[in-house]
Structure formats: C-alpha cells, structure tokens
Amino acid sequence: MSWTFLILAGLFEIGWPIGLKMAQEDSTRWLGVAIAVLFMGMSGWLLWMAQKHIPIGTAYAVWTGIGAAGTFFVGVWVYGDPTSLARYLGVALIVAGVVTLKLAH
C-alpha cells in the first residue's frame, strides 16, 4: 500500500505547479491558487503515509521524480513548453535515477 501512496503522492506533486501556472492568468487566479494548495496538501500527506514503510531517501526521490517528469510532460503537451533532445534526456536521467534507487535495496 505504501507504494500506492507514493505513486499517488507523485501524481499530486504534478498538480500544484499546474495550479500555480493557472494562477498566472487573472481569470483563473484564485482557482489556480486553490488547486495548488489542495494538491500540495494531498501530495505531502500521501508522501507522509508512504514513508511509514519506504526509506525516506527512496520515497523523496520517487516523489520528486514523478513530479518533475510529470510536470515536464504536462508543460510540453498542455502549455507548449520548449523541447529538445537534451531536455528529454534530462527527464530520462531523472527516471533512471529513481528506478536505480528502487532496485538497489
């Protein structure tokens, strides 16, 4: 169950930067702030639950890795953020590091 909490925490970690991005527009400012605060709280609570049975270093790396990679892809797909081979390689290295932490007990 801890890994489920951790994966969900990482997915919620993607939500708060999206909320902050939404808050840049006057028409969605308060909705964006509310989404960011809600997702921050949920992400933190789920990470706390996951850390009951997953080492803190592994949990934190997976949490931030999911958040960083997920936010990168949302930025590219939804907001038209710039892409390059080097940026994709950077995300692949983040994912590889997270996988390595998981596999190296």
N, C-alpha and C. Protein backbone atom coordinates (compact mmCIF):
# COMPACT_ATOMS: atom_id res chain seq x y z
N MET A 1 0.82 -1.20 0.00
CA MET A 1 0.00 0.00 0.00
C MET A 1 0.87 1.27 0.00
N SER A 2 2.05 1.17 0.61
CA SER A 2 2.92 2.35 0.67
C SER A 2 3.33 2.82 -0.72
N TRP A 3 3.58 1.87 -1.62
CA TRP A 3 3.96 2.28 -2.98
C TRP A 3 2.80 2.93 -3.70
N THR A 4 1.59 2.49 -3.42
CA THR A 4 0.41 3.15 -4.00
C THR A 4 0.33 4.58 -3.49
N PHE A 5 0.52 4.76 -2.18
CA PHE A 5 0.53 6.11 -1.62
C PHE A 5 1.61 6.97 -2.28
N LEU A 6 2.78 6.38 -2.49
CA LEU A 6 3.89 7.14 -3.04
C LEU A 6 3.63 7.54 -4.49
N ILE A 7 3.11 6.64 -5.28
CA ILE A 7 2.80 6.97 -6.67
C ILE A 7 1.73 8.05 -6.73
N LEU A 8 0.70 7.92 -5.90
CA LEU A 8 -0.33 8.96 -5.86
C LEU A 8 0.24 10.29 -5.40
N ALA A 9 1.15 10.24 -4.41
CA ALA A 9 1.80 11.47 -3.95
C ALA A 9 2.55 12.15 -5.10
N GLY A 10 3.25 11.35 -5.89
CA GLY A 10 3.96 11.90 -7.04
C GLY A 10 3.02 12.50 -8.07
N LEU A 11 1.89 11.86 -8.30
CA LEU A 11 0.92 12.40 -9.24
C LEU A 11 0.32 13.71 -8.73
N PHE A 12 0.03 13.78 -7.42
CA PHE A 12 -0.46 15.03 -6.85
C PHE A 12 0.63 16.11 -6.90
N GLU A 13 1.88 15.70 -6.85
CA GLU A 13 3.00 16.64 -6.94
C GLU A 13 3.00 17.35 -8.29
N ILE A 14 2.47 16.71 -9.31
CA ILE A 14 2.35 17.34 -10.62
C ILE A 14 1.29 18.44 -10.60
N GLY A 15 0.28 18.28 -9.77
CA GLY A 15 -0.86 19.20 -9.77
C GLY A 15 -0.58 20.59 -9.26
N TRP A 16 0.30 20.72 -8.26
CA TRP A 16 0.44 22.07 -7.70
C TRP A 16 1.18 23.04 -8.62
N PRO A 17 2.21 22.61 -9.38
CA PRO A 17 2.77 23.58 -10.33
C PRO A 17 1.78 23.97 -11.43
N ILE A 18 0.89 23.04 -11.78
CA ILE A 18 -0.15 23.37 -12.76
C ILE A 18 -1.07 24.43 -12.18
N GLY A 19 -1.44 24.26 -10.89
CA GLY A 19 -2.25 25.28 -10.23
C GLY A 19 -1.57 26.64 -10.23
N LEU A 20 -0.27 26.65 -9.94
CA LEU A 20 0.46 27.92 -9.94
C LEU A 20 0.51 28.52 -11.35
N LYS A 21 0.62 27.67 -12.36
CA LYS A 21 0.61 28.16 -13.75
C LYS A 21 -0.76 28.76 -14.07
N MET A 22 -1.82 28.08 -13.63
CA MET A 22 -3.17 28.62 -13.83
C MET A 22 -3.33 29.96 -13.14
N ALA A 23 -2.69 30.13 -11.99
CA ALA A 23 -2.81 31.36 -11.21
C ALA A 23 -2.14 32.55 -11.90
N GLN A 24 -1.38 32.32 -12.95
CA GLN A 24 -0.75 33.41 -13.70
C GLN A 24 -1.78 34.22 -14.50
N GLU A 25 -2.91 33.60 -14.79
CA GLU A 25 -3.97 34.28 -15.56
C GLU A 25 -4.98 34.89 -14.60
N ASP A 26 -5.40 36.12 -14.87
CA ASP A 26 -6.37 36.78 -14.00
C ASP A 26 -7.67 36.00 -13.86
N SER A 27 -8.12 35.38 -14.95
CA SER A 27 -9.40 34.69 -14.95
C SER A 27 -9.40 33.40 -14.12
N THR A 28 -8.23 32.83 -13.90
CA THR A 28 -8.16 31.57 -13.14
C THR A 28 -7.23 31.69 -11.92
N ARG A 29 -6.96 32.93 -11.50
CA ARG A 29 -6.00 33.15 -10.42
C ARG A 29 -6.38 32.39 -9.15
N TRP A 30 -7.57 32.61 -8.64
CA TRP A 30 -7.94 32.02 -7.34
C TRP A 30 -8.19 30.53 -7.46
N LEU A 31 -8.73 30.09 -8.57
CA LEU A 31 -8.89 28.65 -8.79
C LEU A 31 -7.52 27.98 -8.83
N GLY A 32 -6.58 28.60 -9.52
CA GLY A 32 -5.22 28.05 -9.60
C GLY A 32 -4.56 27.97 -8.24
N VAL A 33 -4.69 29.03 -7.44
CA VAL A 33 -4.11 29.02 -6.09
C VAL A 33 -4.76 27.92 -5.26
N ALA A 34 -6.07 27.79 -5.34
CA ALA A 34 -6.78 26.76 -4.58
C ALA A 34 -6.32 25.36 -5.00
N ILE A 35 -6.18 25.15 -6.29
CA ILE A 35 -5.71 23.85 -6.78
C ILE A 35 -4.29 23.58 -6.27
N ALA A 36 -3.43 24.58 -6.35
CA ALA A 36 -2.04 24.40 -5.89
C ALA A 36 -2.01 24.03 -4.41
N VAL A 37 -2.75 24.73 -3.59
CA VAL A 37 -2.75 24.45 -2.14
C VAL A 37 -3.32 23.07 -1.87
N LEU A 38 -4.42 22.71 -2.51
CA LEU A 38 -5.03 21.39 -2.32
C LEU A 38 -4.06 20.27 -2.73
N PHE A 39 -3.44 20.43 -3.88
CA PHE A 39 -2.54 19.39 -4.37
C PHE A 39 -1.27 19.30 -3.52
N MET A 40 -0.77 20.45 -3.03
CA MET A 40 0.38 20.41 -2.12
C MET A 40 0.04 19.62 -0.87
N GLY A 41 -1.12 19.90 -0.30
CA GLY A 41 -1.53 19.21 0.92
C GLY A 41 -1.70 17.71 0.70
N MET A 42 -2.37 17.35 -0.37
CA MET A 42 -2.58 15.93 -0.66
C MET A 42 -1.26 15.22 -0.95
N SER A 43 -0.40 15.87 -1.71
CA SER A 43 0.89 15.28 -2.04
C SER A 43 1.71 15.05 -0.78
N GLY A 44 1.76 16.03 0.09
CA GLY A 44 2.51 15.90 1.34
C GLY A 44 1.95 14.82 2.25
N TRP A 45 0.63 14.76 2.37
CA TRP A 45 0.01 13.75 3.23
C TRP A 45 0.29 12.34 2.69
N LEU A 46 0.15 12.16 1.38
CA LEU A 46 0.41 10.85 0.78
C LEU A 46 1.87 10.46 0.92
N LEU A 47 2.79 11.42 0.78
CA LEU A 47 4.21 11.13 1.00
C LEU A 47 4.44 10.70 2.45
N TRP A 48 3.82 11.38 3.38
CA TRP A 48 3.93 11.02 4.79
C TRP A 48 3.46 9.59 5.02
N MET A 49 2.34 9.23 4.41
CA MET A 49 1.82 7.86 4.55
C MET A 49 2.79 6.85 3.94
N ALA A 50 3.36 7.17 2.80
CA ALA A 50 4.28 6.26 2.12
C ALA A 50 5.54 6.03 2.93
N GLN A 51 6.02 7.07 3.61
CA GLN A 51 7.27 6.96 4.35
C GLN A 51 7.19 6.08 5.59
N LYS A 52 6.01 5.61 5.91
CA LYS A 52 5.90 4.69 7.04
C LYS A 52 6.61 3.37 6.75
N HIS A 53 6.71 2.99 5.46
CA HIS A 53 7.31 1.71 5.10
C HIS A 53 8.35 1.80 3.99
N ILE A 54 8.60 2.99 3.48
CA ILE A 54 9.58 3.17 2.41
C ILE A 54 10.66 4.11 2.95
N PRO A 55 11.94 3.77 2.76
CA PRO A 55 13.01 4.65 3.24
C PRO A 55 12.84 6.08 2.71
N ILE A 56 13.17 7.05 3.55
CA ILE A 56 12.93 8.46 3.22
C ILE A 56 13.63 8.88 1.94
N GLY A 57 14.86 8.45 1.73
CA GLY A 57 15.59 8.84 0.52
C GLY A 57 14.94 8.31 -0.74
N THR A 58 14.53 7.06 -0.69
CA THR A 58 13.84 6.46 -1.83
C THR A 58 12.51 7.14 -2.07
N ALA A 59 11.74 7.34 -1.00
CA ALA A 59 10.42 7.96 -1.12
C ALA A 59 10.53 9.36 -1.71
N TYR A 60 11.47 10.13 -1.20
CA TYR A 60 11.62 11.50 -1.67
C TYR A 60 12.05 11.54 -3.14
N ALA A 61 12.98 10.69 -3.51
CA ALA A 61 13.46 10.66 -4.89
C ALA A 61 12.34 10.26 -5.86
N VAL A 62 11.57 9.24 -5.49
CA VAL A 62 10.47 8.81 -6.35
C VAL A 62 9.42 9.92 -6.45
N TRP A 63 9.09 10.51 -5.32
CA TRP A 63 8.09 11.58 -5.26
C TRP A 63 8.48 12.76 -6.16
N THR A 64 9.70 13.24 -5.98
CA THR A 64 10.13 14.38 -6.79
C THR A 64 10.35 13.98 -8.25
N GLY A 65 10.79 12.73 -8.48
CA GLY A 65 10.99 12.27 -9.86
C GLY A 65 9.69 12.23 -10.63
N ILE A 66 8.65 11.67 -10.02
CA ILE A 66 7.33 11.65 -10.68
C ILE A 66 6.86 13.07 -10.91
N GLY A 67 7.02 13.90 -9.90
CA GLY A 67 6.58 15.29 -10.03
C GLY A 67 7.32 16.05 -11.11
N ALA A 68 8.64 15.91 -11.13
CA ALA A 68 9.45 16.63 -12.12
C ALA A 68 9.17 16.15 -13.54
N ALA A 69 9.20 14.83 -13.74
CA ALA A 69 8.97 14.29 -15.08
C ALA A 69 7.53 14.58 -15.53
N GLY A 70 6.59 14.36 -14.64
CA GLY A 70 5.18 14.60 -15.00
C GLY A 70 4.91 16.06 -15.33
N THR A 71 5.48 16.96 -14.53
CA THR A 71 5.29 18.39 -14.80
C THR A 71 5.95 18.79 -16.11
N PHE A 72 7.10 18.21 -16.40
CA PHE A 72 7.76 18.47 -17.68
C PHE A 72 6.83 18.09 -18.84
N PHE A 73 6.26 16.88 -18.78
CA PHE A 73 5.40 16.43 -19.88
C PHE A 73 4.13 17.25 -19.98
N VAL A 74 3.53 17.61 -18.87
CA VAL A 74 2.34 18.48 -18.92
C VAL A 74 2.72 19.82 -19.54
N GLY A 75 3.87 20.36 -19.15
CA GLY A 75 4.31 21.62 -19.73
C GLY A 75 4.46 21.55 -21.24
N VAL A 76 5.01 20.45 -21.72
CA VAL A 76 5.21 20.27 -23.16
C VAL A 76 3.86 20.08 -23.85
N TRP A 77 3.04 19.18 -23.33
CA TRP A 77 1.79 18.82 -24.01
C TRP A 77 0.69 19.87 -23.89
N VAL A 78 0.60 20.51 -22.73
CA VAL A 78 -0.51 21.43 -22.49
C VAL A 78 -0.11 22.89 -22.71
N TYR A 79 1.09 23.26 -22.26
CA TYR A 79 1.49 24.66 -22.29
C TYR A 79 2.48 24.99 -23.40
N GLY A 80 2.85 24.01 -24.20
CA GLY A 80 3.74 24.27 -25.33
C GLY A 80 5.16 24.64 -24.92
N ASP A 81 5.61 24.13 -23.76
CA ASP A 81 6.99 24.38 -23.33
C ASP A 81 7.97 23.84 -24.37
N PRO A 82 9.13 24.46 -24.48
CA PRO A 82 10.10 24.02 -25.48
C PRO A 82 10.63 22.62 -25.19
N THR A 83 10.96 21.91 -26.25
CA THR A 83 11.53 20.58 -26.12
C THR A 83 12.83 20.51 -26.92
N SER A 84 13.64 19.57 -26.53
CA SER A 84 14.86 19.27 -27.27
C SER A 84 15.29 17.87 -26.83
N LEU A 85 16.19 17.31 -27.57
CA LEU A 85 16.71 16.00 -27.20
C LEU A 85 17.35 16.06 -25.82
N ALA A 86 18.06 17.13 -25.53
CA ALA A 86 18.72 17.26 -24.23
C ALA A 86 17.70 17.32 -23.09
N ARG A 87 16.58 18.02 -23.29
CA ARG A 87 15.55 18.08 -22.24
C ARG A 87 14.93 16.71 -22.00
N TYR A 88 14.66 15.97 -23.07
CA TYR A 88 14.12 14.62 -22.91
C TYR A 88 15.15 13.70 -22.25
N LEU A 89 16.41 13.87 -22.58
CA LEU A 89 17.46 13.08 -21.96
C LEU A 89 17.53 13.38 -20.46
N GLY A 90 17.38 14.64 -20.09
CA GLY A 90 17.37 15.01 -18.69
C GLY A 90 16.25 14.32 -17.92
N VAL A 91 15.07 14.28 -18.51
CA VAL A 91 13.95 13.59 -17.86
C VAL A 91 14.23 12.09 -17.79
N ALA A 92 14.80 11.54 -18.83
CA ALA A 92 15.14 10.11 -18.81
C ALA A 92 16.15 9.80 -17.70
N LEU A 93 17.10 10.70 -17.48
CA LEU A 93 18.07 10.50 -16.40
C LEU A 93 17.41 10.57 -15.02
N ILE A 94 16.44 11.45 -14.86
CA ILE A 94 15.69 11.50 -13.61
C ILE A 94 14.98 10.17 -13.37
N VAL A 95 14.30 9.69 -14.39
CA VAL A 95 13.57 8.41 -14.27
C VAL A 95 14.55 7.27 -14.00
N ALA A 96 15.68 7.26 -14.68
CA ALA A 96 16.69 6.20 -14.46
C ALA A 96 17.21 6.25 -13.03
N GLY A 97 17.42 7.42 -12.51
CA GLY A 97 17.88 7.53 -11.11
C GLY A 97 16.86 7.01 -10.13
N VAL A 98 15.60 7.31 -10.36
CA VAL A 98 14.53 6.82 -9.48
C VAL A 98 14.45 5.30 -9.56
N VAL A 99 14.50 4.75 -10.75
CA VAL A 99 14.44 3.30 -10.92
C VAL A 99 15.64 2.64 -10.22
N THR A 100 16.81 3.23 -10.35
CA THR A 100 18.01 2.70 -9.71
C THR A 100 17.85 2.68 -8.19
N LEU A 101 17.32 3.75 -7.62
CA LEU A 101 17.08 3.78 -6.17
C LEU A 101 16.13 2.68 -5.74
N LYS A 102 15.10 2.45 -6.54
CA LYS A 102 14.11 1.42 -6.20
C LYS A 102 14.74 0.02 -6.26
N LEU A 103 15.56 -0.22 -7.27
CA LEU A 103 16.12 -1.55 -7.47
C LEU A 103 17.32 -1.86 -6.56
N ALA A 104 18.00 -0.82 -6.09
CA ALA A 104 19.19 -1.01 -5.27
C ALA A 104 18.81 -0.97 -3.79
N HIS A 105 18.33 -2.05 -3.28
CA HIS A 105 17.87 -2.11 -1.87
C HIS A 105 19.02 -1.79 -0.99
